């Protein structure tokens, strides 16, 4: 698909600290110096059946790394809680469309607090109803697993959705990053890149490796085919 070539050149790898050793978080952050950002998964045990970390830990991570923070909120009532993460210094805050009652208002609030505004969709959520609000966003995250747990296999069924989103972004001419999260490995990243994604969250593929920085480099090469 040659018309996607211009996007695959800008490959961004965001390792997920969900797969890191939480007892040595500062040290683990130091092992991914070549990453474009740190992906921080916030889960509330309501929107997803898992509980991870919240605002205090995000603030601690902010103090422990110079890398940009890419915070992914898998929480209910995003309209109420998401702005606090922007205020905590996260460069990018992504809320779930399914958890927001007023997504355009929330995206504008995140930008007003100095963060990039991201919106995430679960695998079964249609991207169609949200295409008109793309200019309000800086990032669109299409989950390639059901959110809640790391280590799940990449869902190929999401690839046509990635292509639709890429075509809509190109057609609208808006500079929105297209992120995928879930099951991203050296084996799956090329298919997602060819479909039009340009930001890739990788958890176990990075932190499960003996050398996370080398794993990031391998993912970049794999995404370029």
N, C-alpha and C. Protein backbone atom coordinates (compact mmCIF):
# COMPACT_ATOMS: atom_id res chain seq x y z
N UNK A 1 0.84 -1.19 0.00
CA UNK A 1 0.00 0.00 0.00
C UNK A 1 0.87 1.25 0.00
N UNK A 2 1.34 1.67 -1.14
CA UNK A 2 2.29 2.76 -1.18
C UNK A 2 1.78 4.06 -0.59
N UNK A 3 0.45 4.29 -0.62
CA UNK A 3 -0.05 5.58 -0.13
C UNK A 3 0.07 5.70 1.39
N UNK A 4 0.46 4.60 2.08
CA UNK A 4 0.69 4.71 3.52
C UNK A 4 2.16 4.96 3.83
N UNK A 5 3.01 4.97 2.81
CA UNK A 5 4.45 5.02 3.06
C UNK A 5 4.86 6.25 3.87
N UNK A 6 4.19 7.37 3.62
CA UNK A 6 4.59 8.60 4.33
C UNK A 6 4.32 8.49 5.82
N UNK A 7 3.39 7.60 6.22
CA UNK A 7 3.10 7.47 7.64
C UNK A 7 4.05 6.49 8.31
N UNK A 8 4.45 5.45 7.61
CA UNK A 8 5.29 4.44 8.24
C UNK A 8 6.68 4.99 8.52
N UNK A 9 7.06 6.09 7.89
CA UNK A 9 8.37 6.69 8.18
C UNK A 9 8.41 7.25 9.59
N UNK A 10 7.28 7.76 10.08
CA UNK A 10 7.25 8.32 11.44
C UNK A 10 6.74 7.29 12.42
N UNK A 11 7.59 6.35 12.79
CA UNK A 11 7.19 5.27 13.69
C UNK A 11 7.51 5.69 15.12
N UNK A 12 6.50 5.67 15.98
CA UNK A 12 6.71 6.05 17.38
C UNK A 12 6.41 4.84 18.27
N UNK A 13 7.36 4.51 19.15
CA UNK A 13 7.21 3.37 20.04
C UNK A 13 7.03 3.87 21.47
N UNK A 14 5.90 3.48 22.09
CA UNK A 14 5.59 3.88 23.46
C UNK A 14 5.52 2.62 24.34
N UNK A 15 6.60 2.24 24.99
CA UNK A 15 6.54 1.06 25.86
C UNK A 15 5.56 1.27 27.01
N UNK A 16 4.82 0.21 27.33
CA UNK A 16 3.85 0.27 28.42
C UNK A 16 4.49 -0.22 29.71
N UNK A 17 4.46 0.64 30.73
CA UNK A 17 5.05 0.22 32.01
C UNK A 17 4.17 -0.79 32.74
N UNK A 18 3.01 -1.10 32.17
CA UNK A 18 2.18 -2.16 32.74
C UNK A 18 2.98 -3.46 32.82
N UNK A 19 3.93 -3.63 31.90
CA UNK A 19 4.75 -4.85 31.86
C UNK A 19 6.07 -4.70 32.59
N UNK A 20 6.31 -3.54 33.20
CA UNK A 20 7.57 -3.31 33.91
C UNK A 20 7.47 -3.83 35.34
N UNK A 21 8.61 -3.84 36.02
CA UNK A 21 8.67 -4.23 37.43
C UNK A 21 8.34 -2.99 38.26
N UNK A 22 7.13 -2.97 38.84
CA UNK A 22 6.66 -1.78 39.55
C UNK A 22 7.50 -1.48 40.79
N UNK A 23 8.18 -2.50 41.33
CA UNK A 23 9.00 -2.26 42.53
C UNK A 23 10.28 -1.50 42.19
N UNK A 24 10.63 -1.46 40.89
CA UNK A 24 11.86 -0.76 40.48
C UNK A 24 11.53 0.19 39.33
N UNK A 25 10.50 0.98 39.50
CA UNK A 25 9.96 1.74 38.39
C UNK A 25 10.95 2.74 37.81
N UNK A 26 11.67 3.47 38.66
CA UNK A 26 12.63 4.46 38.16
C UNK A 26 13.70 3.77 37.31
N UNK A 27 14.19 2.63 37.80
CA UNK A 27 15.20 1.88 37.06
C UNK A 27 14.64 1.36 35.73
N UNK A 28 13.41 0.88 35.77
CA UNK A 28 12.77 0.37 34.55
C UNK A 28 12.58 1.48 33.51
N UNK A 29 12.24 2.69 33.98
CA UNK A 29 12.11 3.82 33.06
C UNK A 29 13.46 4.14 32.40
N UNK A 30 14.53 3.92 33.14
CA UNK A 30 15.86 4.18 32.61
C UNK A 30 16.30 3.19 31.54
N UNK A 31 15.57 2.08 31.41
CA UNK A 31 15.95 1.05 30.42
C UNK A 31 15.30 1.28 29.06
N UNK A 32 14.49 2.34 28.92
CA UNK A 32 13.79 2.58 27.65
C UNK A 32 14.10 3.97 27.11
N UNK A 33 15.36 4.37 27.23
CA UNK A 33 15.76 5.72 26.83
C UNK A 33 15.49 6.06 25.38
N UNK A 34 15.44 5.04 24.51
CA UNK A 34 15.22 5.30 23.08
C UNK A 34 13.73 5.37 22.72
N UNK A 35 12.85 5.20 23.72
CA UNK A 35 11.40 5.26 23.45
C UNK A 35 10.99 6.69 23.11
N UNK A 36 9.87 6.82 22.40
CA UNK A 36 9.34 8.15 22.08
C UNK A 36 8.50 8.71 23.23
N UNK A 37 7.96 7.82 24.05
CA UNK A 37 7.17 8.22 25.22
C UNK A 37 6.98 6.99 26.09
N UNK A 38 6.55 7.21 27.32
CA UNK A 38 6.19 6.13 28.23
C UNK A 38 4.67 6.02 28.24
N UNK A 39 4.15 4.83 27.96
CA UNK A 39 2.70 4.61 27.99
C UNK A 39 2.31 4.15 29.39
N UNK A 40 1.42 4.91 30.02
CA UNK A 40 1.02 4.64 31.40
C UNK A 40 -0.45 4.24 31.43
N UNK A 41 -0.71 3.00 31.82
CA UNK A 41 -2.08 2.46 31.84
C UNK A 41 -2.71 2.68 33.20
N UNK A 42 -3.76 3.49 33.24
CA UNK A 42 -4.50 3.75 34.47
C UNK A 42 -5.82 2.98 34.39
N UNK A 43 -6.03 2.04 35.33
CA UNK A 43 -7.25 1.22 35.32
C UNK A 43 -7.91 1.29 36.69
N UNK A 44 -9.24 1.35 36.70
CA UNK A 44 -9.97 1.63 37.93
C UNK A 44 -10.75 0.44 38.50
N UNK A 45 -10.64 -0.72 37.87
CA UNK A 45 -11.38 -1.92 38.29
C UNK A 45 -12.89 -1.77 38.10
N UNK A 46 -13.32 -0.75 37.36
CA UNK A 46 -14.73 -0.57 37.02
C UNK A 46 -14.92 -0.60 35.50
N UNK A 47 -14.23 0.33 34.82
CA UNK A 47 -14.31 0.35 33.35
C UNK A 47 -13.68 -0.91 32.77
N UNK A 48 -12.62 -1.37 33.41
CA UNK A 48 -11.97 -2.64 33.04
C UNK A 48 -11.79 -3.47 34.30
N UNK A 49 -11.72 -4.81 34.16
CA UNK A 49 -11.63 -5.67 35.35
C UNK A 49 -10.19 -5.80 35.86
N UNK A 50 -9.54 -4.66 36.11
CA UNK A 50 -8.18 -4.69 36.63
C UNK A 50 -7.93 -3.35 37.28
N UNK A 51 -7.05 -3.35 38.27
CA UNK A 51 -6.69 -2.13 38.99
C UNK A 51 -5.19 -1.95 38.87
N UNK A 52 -4.74 -0.79 38.38
CA UNK A 52 -3.29 -0.62 38.23
C UNK A 52 -2.78 0.50 39.12
N UNK A 53 -2.80 1.71 38.61
CA UNK A 53 -2.21 2.83 39.34
C UNK A 53 -3.03 4.06 39.06
N UNK A 54 -2.78 5.11 39.85
CA UNK A 54 -3.55 6.33 39.69
C UNK A 54 -2.68 7.56 39.70
N UNK A 55 -3.27 8.67 40.04
CA UNK A 55 -2.61 9.96 39.93
C UNK A 55 -1.29 10.06 40.71
N UNK A 56 -1.21 9.58 41.97
CA UNK A 56 0.06 9.71 42.69
C UNK A 56 1.23 9.00 41.99
N UNK A 57 0.95 7.84 41.41
CA UNK A 57 2.03 7.12 40.72
C UNK A 57 2.41 7.84 39.43
N UNK A 58 1.41 8.39 38.72
CA UNK A 58 1.72 9.16 37.52
C UNK A 58 2.60 10.37 37.88
N UNK A 59 2.30 11.00 39.00
CA UNK A 59 3.12 12.13 39.44
C UNK A 59 4.54 11.68 39.78
N UNK A 60 4.67 10.49 40.36
CA UNK A 60 6.00 9.96 40.68
C UNK A 60 6.77 9.63 39.40
N UNK A 61 6.07 9.06 38.42
CA UNK A 61 6.72 8.74 37.13
C UNK A 61 7.17 10.03 36.46
N UNK A 62 6.33 11.06 36.55
CA UNK A 62 6.67 12.36 35.96
C UNK A 62 8.01 12.86 36.51
N UNK A 63 8.24 12.64 37.81
CA UNK A 63 9.48 13.08 38.43
C UNK A 63 10.67 12.18 38.17
N UNK A 64 10.41 10.99 37.59
CA UNK A 64 11.48 10.00 37.44
C UNK A 64 11.98 9.86 36.01
N UNK A 65 11.37 10.57 35.05
CA UNK A 65 11.80 10.43 33.66
C UNK A 65 11.61 11.74 32.91
N UNK A 66 12.47 11.95 31.93
CA UNK A 66 12.32 13.10 31.04
C UNK A 66 11.53 12.74 29.79
N UNK A 67 11.22 11.45 29.63
CA UNK A 67 10.44 11.03 28.47
C UNK A 67 9.01 11.59 28.59
N UNK A 68 8.37 11.90 27.45
CA UNK A 68 6.96 12.30 27.52
C UNK A 68 6.10 11.19 28.11
N UNK A 69 5.06 11.57 28.82
CA UNK A 69 4.11 10.60 29.38
C UNK A 69 2.87 10.54 28.52
N UNK A 70 2.53 9.33 28.10
CA UNK A 70 1.34 9.03 27.29
C UNK A 70 0.41 8.24 28.20
N UNK A 71 -0.53 8.94 28.83
CA UNK A 71 -1.39 8.32 29.84
C UNK A 71 -2.68 7.83 29.19
N UNK A 72 -2.98 6.55 29.39
CA UNK A 72 -4.18 5.92 28.82
C UNK A 72 -5.12 5.58 29.98
N UNK A 73 -6.22 6.32 30.04
CA UNK A 73 -7.17 6.17 31.14
C UNK A 73 -8.26 5.16 30.80
N UNK A 74 -8.16 3.99 31.42
CA UNK A 74 -9.22 2.97 31.28
C UNK A 74 -10.06 3.06 32.54
N UNK A 75 -10.78 4.20 32.65
CA UNK A 75 -11.53 4.49 33.87
C UNK A 75 -12.91 5.04 33.51
N UNK A 76 -13.85 4.82 34.41
CA UNK A 76 -15.18 5.40 34.26
C UNK A 76 -15.12 6.89 34.62
N UNK A 77 -16.15 7.63 34.19
CA UNK A 77 -16.28 9.04 34.52
C UNK A 77 -15.04 9.84 34.11
N UNK A 78 -14.59 9.60 32.88
CA UNK A 78 -13.38 10.27 32.39
C UNK A 78 -13.54 11.79 32.39
N UNK A 79 -14.75 12.27 32.17
CA UNK A 79 -14.97 13.72 32.14
C UNK A 79 -14.52 14.38 33.45
N UNK A 80 -14.71 13.67 34.54
CA UNK A 80 -14.35 14.21 35.85
C UNK A 80 -12.86 14.07 36.14
N UNK A 81 -12.28 12.92 35.81
CA UNK A 81 -10.93 12.61 36.29
C UNK A 81 -9.81 12.92 35.31
N UNK A 82 -10.07 12.85 34.02
CA UNK A 82 -8.98 12.98 33.04
C UNK A 82 -8.21 14.30 33.15
N UNK A 83 -8.89 15.45 33.36
CA UNK A 83 -8.13 16.71 33.40
C UNK A 83 -7.04 16.75 34.47
N UNK A 84 -7.23 16.00 35.58
CA UNK A 84 -6.21 15.98 36.63
C UNK A 84 -4.89 15.42 36.12
N UNK A 85 -4.96 14.48 35.19
CA UNK A 85 -3.74 13.88 34.65
C UNK A 85 -3.01 14.85 33.72
N UNK A 86 -3.76 15.69 33.03
CA UNK A 86 -3.13 16.74 32.23
C UNK A 86 -2.44 17.73 33.16
N UNK A 87 -3.10 18.10 34.23
CA UNK A 87 -2.51 19.03 35.19
C UNK A 87 -1.28 18.45 35.88
N UNK A 88 -1.19 17.11 35.95
CA UNK A 88 -0.04 16.46 36.59
C UNK A 88 1.20 16.46 35.70
N UNK A 89 1.06 16.96 34.48
CA UNK A 89 2.23 17.06 33.62
C UNK A 89 2.34 16.01 32.53
N UNK A 90 1.26 15.24 32.31
CA UNK A 90 1.28 14.27 31.21
C UNK A 90 1.21 15.01 29.88
N UNK A 91 2.11 14.67 28.97
CA UNK A 91 2.11 15.33 27.66
C UNK A 91 0.89 14.95 26.84
N UNK A 92 0.37 13.74 27.08
CA UNK A 92 -0.78 13.25 26.33
C UNK A 92 -1.69 12.48 27.28
N UNK A 93 -2.99 12.76 27.22
CA UNK A 93 -3.96 12.05 28.06
C UNK A 93 -5.04 11.49 27.13
N UNK A 94 -5.24 10.17 27.20
CA UNK A 94 -6.23 9.49 26.36
C UNK A 94 -7.35 8.94 27.23
N UNK A 95 -8.57 9.35 26.92
CA UNK A 95 -9.75 8.84 27.62
C UNK A 95 -10.50 7.91 26.66
N UNK A 96 -11.35 7.05 27.22
CA UNK A 96 -12.15 6.16 26.37
C UNK A 96 -13.44 6.83 25.96
N UNK A 97 -13.76 6.73 24.67
CA UNK A 97 -15.02 7.27 24.16
C UNK A 97 -16.20 6.67 24.92
N UNK A 98 -16.07 5.39 25.28
CA UNK A 98 -17.17 4.69 25.96
C UNK A 98 -17.38 5.21 27.39
N UNK A 99 -16.40 5.96 27.93
CA UNK A 99 -16.45 6.40 29.32
C UNK A 99 -16.64 7.90 29.46
N UNK A 100 -16.90 8.58 28.33
CA UNK A 100 -17.05 10.03 28.36
C UNK A 100 -18.44 10.43 27.90
N UNK A 101 -19.09 11.28 28.67
CA UNK A 101 -20.41 11.79 28.27
C UNK A 101 -20.32 12.97 27.34
N UNK A 102 -19.18 13.68 27.38
CA UNK A 102 -19.00 14.90 26.58
C UNK A 102 -17.58 14.92 26.02
N UNK A 103 -17.30 14.06 25.04
CA UNK A 103 -15.91 13.90 24.59
C UNK A 103 -15.29 15.15 23.98
N UNK A 104 -16.06 15.94 23.26
CA UNK A 104 -15.48 17.15 22.66
C UNK A 104 -15.10 18.15 23.76
N UNK A 105 -16.00 18.33 24.71
CA UNK A 105 -15.71 19.23 25.83
C UNK A 105 -14.47 18.75 26.59
N UNK A 106 -14.38 17.43 26.80
CA UNK A 106 -13.24 16.89 27.55
C UNK A 106 -11.95 17.08 26.77
N UNK A 107 -11.97 16.82 25.46
CA UNK A 107 -10.76 17.00 24.65
C UNK A 107 -10.29 18.45 24.73
N UNK A 108 -11.22 19.38 24.69
CA UNK A 108 -10.85 20.80 24.77
C UNK A 108 -10.28 21.15 26.14
N UNK A 109 -10.82 20.53 27.17
CA UNK A 109 -10.32 20.78 28.53
C UNK A 109 -8.89 20.25 28.68
N UNK A 110 -8.62 19.08 28.10
CA UNK A 110 -7.26 18.52 28.17
C UNK A 110 -6.28 19.44 27.48
N UNK A 111 -6.65 19.92 26.30
CA UNK A 111 -5.77 20.85 25.58
C UNK A 111 -5.58 22.14 26.37
N UNK A 112 -6.65 22.62 27.00
CA UNK A 112 -6.55 23.86 27.78
C UNK A 112 -5.59 23.72 28.95
N UNK A 113 -5.44 22.48 29.43
CA UNK A 113 -4.52 22.25 30.55
C UNK A 113 -3.11 21.87 30.06
N UNK A 114 -2.87 22.00 28.78
CA UNK A 114 -1.51 21.82 28.26
C UNK A 114 -1.16 20.43 27.79
N UNK A 115 -2.14 19.55 27.71
CA UNK A 115 -1.90 18.18 27.26
C UNK A 115 -2.41 17.98 25.84
N UNK A 116 -1.86 16.99 25.17
CA UNK A 116 -2.48 16.54 23.93
C UNK A 116 -3.72 15.72 24.31
N UNK A 117 -4.76 15.82 23.49
CA UNK A 117 -6.01 15.12 23.78
C UNK A 117 -6.10 13.85 22.95
N UNK A 118 -6.24 12.72 23.64
CA UNK A 118 -6.38 11.44 22.96
C UNK A 118 -7.72 10.80 23.28
N UNK A 119 -8.26 10.05 22.32
CA UNK A 119 -9.49 9.31 22.57
C UNK A 119 -9.28 7.86 22.13
N UNK A 120 -9.70 6.93 22.98
CA UNK A 120 -9.52 5.50 22.71
C UNK A 120 -10.85 4.83 22.44
N UNK A 121 -10.80 3.81 21.58
CA UNK A 121 -11.98 2.99 21.28
C UNK A 121 -11.64 1.52 21.52
N UNK A 122 -12.55 0.82 22.21
CA UNK A 122 -12.41 -0.63 22.37
C UNK A 122 -12.53 -1.31 21.00
N UNK A 123 -12.08 -2.56 20.89
CA UNK A 123 -12.10 -3.23 19.57
C UNK A 123 -13.47 -3.24 18.90
N UNK A 124 -14.56 -3.39 19.66
CA UNK A 124 -15.89 -3.50 19.05
C UNK A 124 -16.58 -2.16 18.84
N UNK A 125 -15.96 -1.06 19.27
CA UNK A 125 -16.59 0.26 19.12
C UNK A 125 -16.30 0.81 17.72
N UNK A 126 -17.36 1.18 17.02
CA UNK A 126 -17.23 1.68 15.65
C UNK A 126 -16.58 3.06 15.66
N UNK A 127 -15.62 3.26 14.76
CA UNK A 127 -14.94 4.55 14.67
C UNK A 127 -15.81 5.60 13.95
N UNK A 128 -16.78 5.13 13.17
CA UNK A 128 -17.58 6.02 12.33
C UNK A 128 -18.20 7.22 13.03
N UNK A 129 -18.90 7.01 14.17
CA UNK A 129 -19.56 8.14 14.83
C UNK A 129 -18.61 9.21 15.34
N UNK A 130 -17.32 8.89 15.41
CA UNK A 130 -16.36 9.84 15.99
C UNK A 130 -15.51 10.55 14.95
N UNK A 131 -15.69 10.23 13.69
CA UNK A 131 -14.81 10.81 12.66
C UNK A 131 -14.96 12.31 12.55
N UNK A 132 -16.16 12.84 12.80
CA UNK A 132 -16.37 14.28 12.68
C UNK A 132 -15.64 15.07 13.76
N UNK A 133 -15.28 14.41 14.87
CA UNK A 133 -14.60 15.15 15.94
C UNK A 133 -13.08 15.01 15.90
N UNK A 134 -12.56 14.43 14.83
CA UNK A 134 -11.11 14.25 14.73
C UNK A 134 -10.33 15.55 14.90
N UNK A 135 -10.80 16.70 14.37
CA UNK A 135 -10.03 17.93 14.57
C UNK A 135 -9.88 18.34 16.03
N UNK A 136 -10.73 17.79 16.92
CA UNK A 136 -10.64 18.12 18.34
C UNK A 136 -9.57 17.28 19.04
N UNK A 137 -9.02 16.29 18.32
CA UNK A 137 -8.10 15.34 18.94
C UNK A 137 -6.67 15.51 18.42
N UNK A 138 -5.73 15.05 19.24
CA UNK A 138 -4.33 14.96 18.82
C UNK A 138 -3.93 13.51 18.59
N UNK A 139 -4.72 12.59 19.17
CA UNK A 139 -4.39 11.17 19.07
C UNK A 139 -5.67 10.36 19.10
N UNK A 140 -5.73 9.34 18.26
CA UNK A 140 -6.82 8.38 18.26
C UNK A 140 -6.22 7.02 18.54
N UNK A 141 -6.65 6.38 19.62
CA UNK A 141 -6.13 5.06 20.01
C UNK A 141 -7.17 3.99 19.69
N UNK A 142 -6.80 3.07 18.83
CA UNK A 142 -7.65 1.92 18.52
C UNK A 142 -7.08 0.71 19.24
N UNK A 143 -7.82 0.23 20.24
CA UNK A 143 -7.36 -0.93 21.01
C UNK A 143 -7.36 -2.18 20.13
N UNK A 144 -6.24 -2.91 20.16
CA UNK A 144 -6.11 -4.14 19.39
C UNK A 144 -6.17 -5.37 20.30
N UNK A 145 -6.61 -5.14 21.54
CA UNK A 145 -7.05 -6.20 22.46
C UNK A 145 -8.18 -5.59 23.28
N UNK A 146 -8.91 -6.43 24.01
CA UNK A 146 -9.89 -5.89 24.96
C UNK A 146 -9.10 -5.27 26.11
N UNK A 147 -9.36 -4.01 26.46
CA UNK A 147 -8.54 -3.37 27.47
C UNK A 147 -8.71 -4.00 28.85
N UNK A 148 -7.62 -3.99 29.62
CA UNK A 148 -7.69 -4.48 30.99
C UNK A 148 -6.49 -5.30 31.42
N UNK A 149 -5.90 -6.05 30.49
CA UNK A 149 -4.79 -6.91 30.86
C UNK A 149 -3.72 -6.91 29.77
N UNK A 150 -2.46 -6.99 30.19
CA UNK A 150 -1.37 -7.10 29.23
C UNK A 150 -1.21 -8.52 28.73
N UNK A 151 -0.41 -8.70 27.70
CA UNK A 151 -0.05 -10.02 27.22
C UNK A 151 -1.09 -10.72 26.35
N UNK A 152 -2.13 -10.00 25.92
CA UNK A 152 -3.15 -10.64 25.07
C UNK A 152 -2.70 -10.61 23.60
N UNK A 153 -3.18 -11.57 22.79
CA UNK A 153 -2.81 -11.58 21.36
C UNK A 153 -3.52 -10.47 20.58
N UNK A 154 -2.82 -9.94 19.61
CA UNK A 154 -3.29 -8.89 18.70
C UNK A 154 -4.54 -9.36 17.96
N UNK A 155 -5.58 -8.52 17.93
CA UNK A 155 -6.83 -8.88 17.25
C UNK A 155 -6.81 -8.37 15.80
N UNK A 156 -6.65 -9.29 14.87
CA UNK A 156 -6.57 -8.93 13.45
C UNK A 156 -7.85 -8.24 12.97
N UNK A 157 -8.96 -8.49 13.65
CA UNK A 157 -10.26 -7.95 13.24
C UNK A 157 -10.25 -6.42 13.29
N UNK A 158 -9.30 -5.82 14.00
CA UNK A 158 -9.24 -4.36 14.13
C UNK A 158 -8.55 -3.71 12.92
N UNK A 159 -7.84 -4.51 12.11
CA UNK A 159 -7.08 -3.93 10.98
C UNK A 159 -7.94 -3.11 10.02
N UNK A 160 -9.13 -3.57 9.60
CA UNK A 160 -9.95 -2.74 8.72
C UNK A 160 -10.36 -1.41 9.37
N UNK A 161 -10.54 -1.43 10.69
CA UNK A 161 -10.89 -0.21 11.42
C UNK A 161 -9.72 0.78 11.39
N UNK A 162 -8.50 0.25 11.52
CA UNK A 162 -7.30 1.11 11.43
C UNK A 162 -7.25 1.75 10.04
N UNK A 163 -7.53 0.96 9.01
CA UNK A 163 -7.50 1.50 7.63
C UNK A 163 -8.55 2.59 7.46
N UNK A 164 -9.77 2.36 7.98
CA UNK A 164 -10.84 3.36 7.87
C UNK A 164 -10.44 4.65 8.57
N UNK A 165 -9.85 4.51 9.75
CA UNK A 165 -9.44 5.69 10.50
C UNK A 165 -8.34 6.44 9.75
N UNK A 166 -7.39 5.71 9.18
CA UNK A 166 -6.30 6.35 8.45
C UNK A 166 -6.84 7.11 7.23
N UNK A 167 -7.76 6.49 6.52
CA UNK A 167 -8.35 7.16 5.35
C UNK A 167 -9.09 8.44 5.77
N UNK A 168 -9.80 8.37 6.90
CA UNK A 168 -10.53 9.55 7.38
C UNK A 168 -9.56 10.66 7.80
N UNK A 169 -8.47 10.27 8.47
CA UNK A 169 -7.48 11.26 8.90
C UNK A 169 -6.82 11.93 7.69
N UNK A 170 -6.45 11.10 6.72
CA UNK A 170 -5.82 11.66 5.51
C UNK A 170 -6.80 12.56 4.76
N UNK A 171 -8.06 12.12 4.70
CA UNK A 171 -9.07 12.89 3.99
C UNK A 171 -9.37 14.22 4.65
N UNK A 172 -9.33 14.23 5.99
CA UNK A 172 -9.62 15.46 6.73
C UNK A 172 -8.39 16.36 6.82
N UNK A 173 -7.22 15.78 6.56
CA UNK A 173 -5.99 16.55 6.63
C UNK A 173 -5.67 17.05 8.03
N UNK A 174 -6.06 16.27 9.06
CA UNK A 174 -5.78 16.69 10.44
C UNK A 174 -4.59 15.90 10.98
N UNK A 175 -3.70 16.57 11.73
CA UNK A 175 -2.48 15.91 12.22
C UNK A 175 -2.74 15.11 13.50
N UNK A 176 -3.53 14.06 13.39
CA UNK A 176 -3.86 13.22 14.54
C UNK A 176 -3.02 11.95 14.49
N UNK A 177 -2.34 11.65 15.57
CA UNK A 177 -1.59 10.40 15.66
C UNK A 177 -2.57 9.24 15.74
N UNK A 178 -2.24 8.12 15.08
CA UNK A 178 -3.10 6.93 15.10
C UNK A 178 -2.35 5.84 15.85
N UNK A 179 -2.80 5.59 17.07
CA UNK A 179 -2.10 4.69 17.97
C UNK A 179 -2.83 3.34 18.07
N UNK A 180 -2.04 2.27 18.17
CA UNK A 180 -2.60 0.95 18.47
C UNK A 180 -1.96 0.43 19.75
N UNK A 181 -2.75 -0.34 20.51
CA UNK A 181 -2.32 -0.82 21.81
C UNK A 181 -2.91 -2.19 22.01
N UNK A 182 -2.02 -3.17 22.19
CA UNK A 182 -2.46 -4.53 22.49
C UNK A 182 -1.87 -5.56 21.55
N UNK A 183 -1.07 -6.46 22.10
CA UNK A 183 -0.50 -7.53 21.29
C UNK A 183 0.49 -7.07 20.24
N UNK A 184 1.07 -5.88 20.43
CA UNK A 184 2.04 -5.37 19.45
C UNK A 184 3.38 -6.06 19.69
N UNK A 185 3.84 -6.78 18.67
CA UNK A 185 5.12 -7.49 18.72
C UNK A 185 5.82 -7.28 17.38
N UNK A 186 7.05 -7.78 17.30
CA UNK A 186 7.77 -7.68 16.03
C UNK A 186 7.01 -8.42 14.92
N UNK A 187 6.16 -9.37 15.29
CA UNK A 187 5.40 -10.12 14.29
C UNK A 187 4.13 -9.39 13.83
N UNK A 188 3.52 -8.58 14.70
CA UNK A 188 2.24 -7.94 14.36
C UNK A 188 2.38 -6.47 13.97
N UNK A 189 3.48 -5.82 14.31
CA UNK A 189 3.57 -4.37 14.14
C UNK A 189 3.52 -3.95 12.67
N UNK A 190 4.07 -4.77 11.78
CA UNK A 190 4.08 -4.39 10.36
C UNK A 190 2.65 -4.32 9.81
N UNK A 191 1.80 -5.27 10.19
CA UNK A 191 0.42 -5.26 9.69
C UNK A 191 -0.32 -4.01 10.16
N UNK A 192 -0.10 -3.63 11.41
CA UNK A 192 -0.73 -2.43 11.94
C UNK A 192 -0.19 -1.18 11.26
N UNK A 193 1.11 -1.16 10.97
CA UNK A 193 1.72 -0.01 10.30
C UNK A 193 1.22 0.10 8.87
N UNK A 194 1.12 -1.03 8.18
CA UNK A 194 0.63 -1.02 6.81
C UNK A 194 -0.82 -0.55 6.75
N UNK A 195 -1.59 -0.84 7.81
CA UNK A 195 -2.98 -0.40 7.85
C UNK A 195 -3.08 1.10 8.12
N UNK A 196 -2.00 1.71 8.61
CA UNK A 196 -1.99 3.16 8.79
C UNK A 196 -1.66 3.68 10.17
N UNK A 197 -1.41 2.78 11.14
CA UNK A 197 -1.04 3.24 12.47
C UNK A 197 0.38 3.80 12.46
N UNK A 198 0.64 4.79 13.32
CA UNK A 198 2.00 5.33 13.38
C UNK A 198 2.54 5.44 14.81
N UNK A 199 1.71 5.13 15.82
CA UNK A 199 2.18 5.08 17.20
C UNK A 199 1.82 3.72 17.77
N UNK A 200 2.80 3.06 18.38
CA UNK A 200 2.62 1.67 18.78
C UNK A 200 2.96 1.50 20.26
N UNK A 201 1.98 1.01 21.01
CA UNK A 201 2.21 0.70 22.42
C UNK A 201 2.65 -0.76 22.50
N UNK A 202 3.76 -0.99 23.18
CA UNK A 202 4.26 -2.36 23.33
C UNK A 202 4.63 -2.58 24.78
N UNK A 203 4.07 -3.62 25.38
CA UNK A 203 4.35 -3.91 26.79
C UNK A 203 5.33 -5.04 26.93
N UNK A 204 4.81 -6.28 26.87
CA UNK A 204 5.68 -7.43 27.08
C UNK A 204 6.74 -7.56 26.00
N UNK A 205 6.45 -7.05 24.78
CA UNK A 205 7.45 -7.13 23.70
C UNK A 205 8.70 -6.32 24.04
N UNK A 206 8.54 -5.29 24.89
CA UNK A 206 9.70 -4.48 25.31
C UNK A 206 10.23 -4.95 26.65
N UNK A 207 9.36 -4.96 27.65
CA UNK A 207 9.84 -5.29 29.00
C UNK A 207 10.05 -6.78 29.23
N UNK A 208 9.55 -7.62 28.32
CA UNK A 208 9.83 -9.04 28.42
C UNK A 208 11.18 -9.41 27.83
N UNK A 209 11.83 -8.43 27.19
CA UNK A 209 13.13 -8.67 26.54
C UNK A 209 14.26 -8.41 27.53
N UNK A 210 15.39 -9.07 27.31
CA UNK A 210 16.55 -8.87 28.17
C UNK A 210 17.05 -7.43 28.06
N UNK A 211 16.97 -6.87 26.86
CA UNK A 211 17.40 -5.49 26.61
C UNK A 211 16.24 -4.71 26.01
N UNK A 212 15.48 -3.99 26.84
CA UNK A 212 14.30 -3.28 26.33
C UNK A 212 14.62 -2.29 25.23
N UNK A 213 15.75 -1.57 25.33
CA UNK A 213 16.10 -0.61 24.28
C UNK A 213 16.32 -1.29 22.94
N UNK A 214 16.97 -2.47 22.97
CA UNK A 214 17.18 -3.22 21.73
C UNK A 214 15.84 -3.70 21.17
N UNK A 215 14.91 -4.04 22.06
CA UNK A 215 13.59 -4.49 21.62
C UNK A 215 12.84 -3.35 20.94
N UNK A 216 12.99 -2.13 21.46
CA UNK A 216 12.37 -0.95 20.84
C UNK A 216 12.91 -0.77 19.43
N UNK A 217 14.22 -0.90 19.28
CA UNK A 217 14.86 -0.76 17.96
C UNK A 217 14.35 -1.83 17.00
N UNK A 218 14.20 -3.05 17.50
CA UNK A 218 13.72 -4.16 16.66
C UNK A 218 12.28 -3.89 16.22
N UNK A 219 11.45 -3.33 17.11
CA UNK A 219 10.08 -3.01 16.74
C UNK A 219 10.04 -1.94 15.66
N UNK A 220 10.89 -0.91 15.79
CA UNK A 220 10.95 0.14 14.76
C UNK A 220 11.29 -0.46 13.40
N UNK A 221 12.29 -1.33 13.38
CA UNK A 221 12.71 -1.94 12.10
C UNK A 221 11.59 -2.82 11.53
N UNK A 222 10.92 -3.56 12.42
CA UNK A 222 9.84 -4.46 11.97
C UNK A 222 8.69 -3.64 11.39
N UNK A 223 8.40 -2.48 11.98
CA UNK A 223 7.28 -1.65 11.51
C UNK A 223 7.55 -1.10 10.10
N UNK A 224 8.83 -0.94 9.77
CA UNK A 224 9.19 -0.42 8.45
C UNK A 224 9.29 -1.52 7.41
N UNK A 225 9.09 -2.77 7.84
CA UNK A 225 9.13 -3.89 6.92
C UNK A 225 10.53 -4.23 6.49
